[in-house]
Amino acid sequence: MKAVLTAFVALFLWSLPAAAVQPDEMLADPTLESRAQALGKQLRCLVCQSESIEDSNADLASDLRVLVREKITEGLNDREIKDFLVERYGTYVLLNPPAQGSTLWLWLAPGILVALGGAAVVLILRRKSAAKGQGPAPLTPEEQARLAKLTGSDAGIDRNA
């Protein structure tokens, strides 16, 4: 059992992705490098979609990591670097886009879809309960006469009506 557990842990650790940041991309100053990594975690890889540029192995993500580090060494602050990247690539480059005109639907769509789904469920359940309480509609006199003719009996005709 211990050997199986050891093999499982080894396979799990082996399957973890390698760090995407390459040694030649790193800054010499550990403070600036940690700032670059923190900023990179907030930026989306434009190829991988739901990965940050720090976690992605894509060539474009590597180029963006280098660009972020260049802007940090030029003395730009985080806001200026984000503004530069948004100007160049649009708000899509941000992993958490701000709630503004063009991205407002991203923030509102989940709530609207849940509300519409809930309303649909309520309407369906109301229709089912209303249909369950009613029964079949009574036969019209013409339908009763046709039924009596087809069955050959007077059982379907209400003579008092």
Protein backbone atom coordinates (compact mmCIF):
# COMPACT_ATOMS: atom_id res chain seq x y z
CA MET A 1 0.00 0.00 0.00
CA LYS A 2 2.86 2.35 0.83
CA ALA A 3 4.43 1.74 -2.58
CA VAL A 4 1.15 2.59 -4.33
CA LEU A 5 0.81 5.80 -2.32
CA THR A 6 4.41 6.75 -3.08
CA ALA A 7 3.88 6.10 -6.79
CA PHE A 8 0.68 8.18 -6.75
CA VAL A 9 2.42 11.12 -5.05
CA ALA A 10 5.34 10.87 -7.47
CA LEU A 11 3.02 10.90 -10.49
CA PHE A 12 1.07 13.82 -9.03
CA LEU A 13 4.20 15.87 -8.45
CA TRP A 14 5.56 14.94 -11.87
CA SER A 15 2.36 16.16 -13.54
CA LEU A 16 2.49 19.61 -11.96
CA PRO A 17 3.36 22.27 -14.52
CA ALA A 18 6.82 23.72 -14.42
CA ALA A 19 7.21 27.35 -13.50
CA ALA A 20 6.54 29.37 -16.62
CA VAL A 21 8.96 32.20 -15.82
CA GLN A 22 12.31 31.37 -17.32
CA PRO A 23 15.52 32.31 -15.47
CA ASP A 24 16.59 34.67 -18.27
CA GLU A 25 13.33 36.63 -17.85
CA MET A 26 13.84 37.27 -14.13
CA LEU A 27 15.01 40.57 -12.71
CA ALA A 28 18.15 40.65 -10.58
CA ASP A 29 16.47 42.63 -7.80
CA PRO A 30 14.24 40.25 -5.76
CA THR A 31 11.90 43.09 -4.76
CA LEU A 32 11.30 44.12 -8.37
CA GLU A 33 10.97 40.47 -9.42
CA SER A 34 8.31 39.78 -6.77
CA ARG A 35 6.47 42.92 -7.94
CA ALA A 36 6.70 41.71 -11.55
CA GLN A 37 5.35 38.30 -10.57
CA ALA A 38 2.47 39.83 -8.59
CA LEU A 39 1.60 42.04 -11.56
CA GLY A 40 1.92 39.11 -13.96
CA LYS A 41 -0.62 37.13 -11.89
CA GLN A 42 -3.17 39.88 -12.65
CA LEU A 43 -2.62 39.79 -16.42
CA ARG A 44 -4.26 37.25 -18.75
CA CYS A 45 -2.33 35.23 -21.27
CA LEU A 46 -3.97 36.23 -24.53
CA VAL A 47 -3.41 32.76 -25.99
CA CYS A 48 -4.36 30.55 -23.02
CA GLN A 49 -7.38 32.67 -21.99
CA SER A 50 -7.80 31.70 -18.34
CA GLU A 51 -4.14 31.57 -17.31
CA SER A 52 -2.03 34.43 -16.08
CA ILE A 53 1.09 35.34 -17.99
CA GLU A 54 3.11 34.07 -15.03
CA ASP A 55 1.58 30.58 -15.33
CA SER A 56 1.55 30.27 -19.11
CA ASN A 57 4.26 28.71 -21.26
CA ALA A 58 3.01 30.42 -24.44
CA ASP A 59 5.46 32.55 -26.41
CA LEU A 60 3.17 35.59 -26.20
CA ALA A 61 2.99 35.22 -22.41
CA SER A 62 6.79 35.14 -22.31
CA ASP A 63 6.91 38.31 -24.40
CA LEU A 64 4.42 39.99 -22.03
CA ARG A 65 6.47 38.92 -18.98
CA VAL A 66 9.57 40.48 -20.53
CA LEU A 67 7.60 43.62 -21.42
CA VAL A 68 6.26 43.96 -17.85
CA ARG A 69 9.77 43.59 -16.45
CA GLU A 70 11.09 46.20 -18.92
CA LYS A 71 8.39 48.66 -17.86
CA ILE A 72 9.21 48.04 -14.18
CA THR A 73 12.90 48.78 -14.79
CA GLU A 74 11.86 51.95 -16.68
CA GLY A 75 10.25 53.10 -13.43
CA LEU A 76 6.56 52.77 -14.30
CA ASN A 77 4.19 51.89 -11.47
CA ASP A 78 1.72 49.00 -11.64
CA ARG A 79 -1.21 51.21 -12.69
CA GLU A 80 0.81 52.73 -15.55
CA ILE A 81 1.91 49.28 -16.75
CA LYS A 82 -1.68 47.98 -16.67
CA ASP A 83 -2.88 51.10 -18.51
CA PHE A 84 -0.20 50.60 -21.15
CA LEU A 85 -1.21 46.95 -21.68
CA VAL A 86 -4.95 47.78 -21.72
CA GLU A 87 -4.31 50.49 -24.32
CA ARG A 88 -2.40 48.00 -26.43
CA TYR A 89 -4.53 44.82 -25.94
CA GLY A 90 -7.83 46.03 -24.47
CA THR A 91 -9.38 45.18 -21.09
CA TYR A 92 -9.25 41.49 -22.04
CA VAL A 93 -5.62 41.44 -20.89
CA LEU A 94 -6.79 41.92 -17.27
CA LEU A 95 -7.79 38.75 -15.43
CA ASN A 96 -10.29 40.80 -13.38
CA PRO A 97 -11.62 43.46 -15.76
CA PRO A 98 -13.18 46.55 -14.15
CA ALA A 99 -16.97 46.93 -14.13
CA GLN A 100 -17.35 49.64 -16.75
CA GLY A 101 -19.43 50.22 -19.90
CA SER A 102 -17.80 47.65 -22.20
CA THR A 103 -17.29 45.01 -19.51
CA LEU A 104 -20.46 45.58 -17.52
CA TRP A 105 -22.19 42.67 -19.27
CA LEU A 106 -19.45 40.34 -17.96
CA TRP A 107 -20.43 41.24 -14.42
CA LEU A 108 -24.22 41.31 -14.91
CA ALA A 109 -24.73 38.35 -17.27
CA PRO A 110 -24.41 35.58 -14.63
CA GLY A 111 -27.01 37.19 -12.36
CA ILE A 112 -29.38 37.85 -15.24
CA LEU A 113 -29.06 34.27 -16.51
CA VAL A 114 -29.73 32.84 -13.03
CA ALA A 115 -32.79 35.10 -12.64
CA LEU A 116 -34.15 34.09 -16.06
CA GLY A 117 -33.58 30.41 -15.29
CA GLY A 118 -35.35 30.76 -11.95
CA ALA A 119 -38.30 32.55 -13.58
CA ALA A 120 -38.56 29.79 -16.20
CA VAL A 121 -38.60 27.10 -13.50
CA VAL A 122 -41.33 28.96 -11.56
CA LEU A 123 -43.46 29.35 -14.70
CA ILE A 124 -43.11 25.69 -15.63
CA LEU A 125 -44.01 24.54 -12.12
CA ARG A 126 -47.05 26.85 -12.02
CA ARG A 127 -48.30 25.54 -15.36
CA LYS A 128 -47.86 21.95 -14.24
CA SER A 129 -49.72 22.51 -10.97
CA ALA A 130 -52.55 24.38 -12.76
CA ALA A 131 -52.89 21.60 -15.33
CA LYS A 132 -52.86 18.95 -12.61
CA GLY A 133 -55.77 20.60 -10.74
CA GLN A 134 -58.00 20.80 -13.82
CA GLY A 135 -58.90 17.51 -15.42
CA PRO A 136 -59.85 16.89 -18.97
CA ALA A 137 -62.37 19.32 -20.44
CA PRO A 138 -65.97 17.94 -20.55
CA LEU A 139 -67.28 16.66 -23.88
CA THR A 140 -69.41 18.98 -25.94
CA PRO A 141 -72.90 17.71 -26.94
CA GLU A 142 -71.62 17.05 -30.48
CA GLU A 143 -68.69 15.00 -29.11
CA GLN A 144 -71.08 13.08 -26.83
CA ALA A 145 -73.37 12.26 -29.78
CA ARG A 146 -70.41 11.10 -31.89
CA LEU A 147 -69.14 8.95 -29.01
CA ALA A 148 -72.59 7.36 -28.61
CA LYS A 149 -72.74 6.69 -32.36
CA LEU A 150 -69.27 5.09 -32.36
CA THR A 151 -69.88 2.93 -29.29
CA GLY A 152 -73.48 2.13 -30.16
CA SER A 153 -74.78 3.09 -26.76
CA ASP A 154 -76.54 5.94 -25.04
CA ALA A 155 -74.06 5.95 -22.15
CA GLY A 156 -72.18 9.00 -23.39
CA ILE A 157 -75.30 11.19 -23.80
CA ASP A 158 -76.66 13.19 -20.95
CA ARG A 159 -80.38 13.44 -21.69
CA ASN A 160 -80.99 15.98 -18.88
CA ALA A 161 -78.67 18.58 -20.33
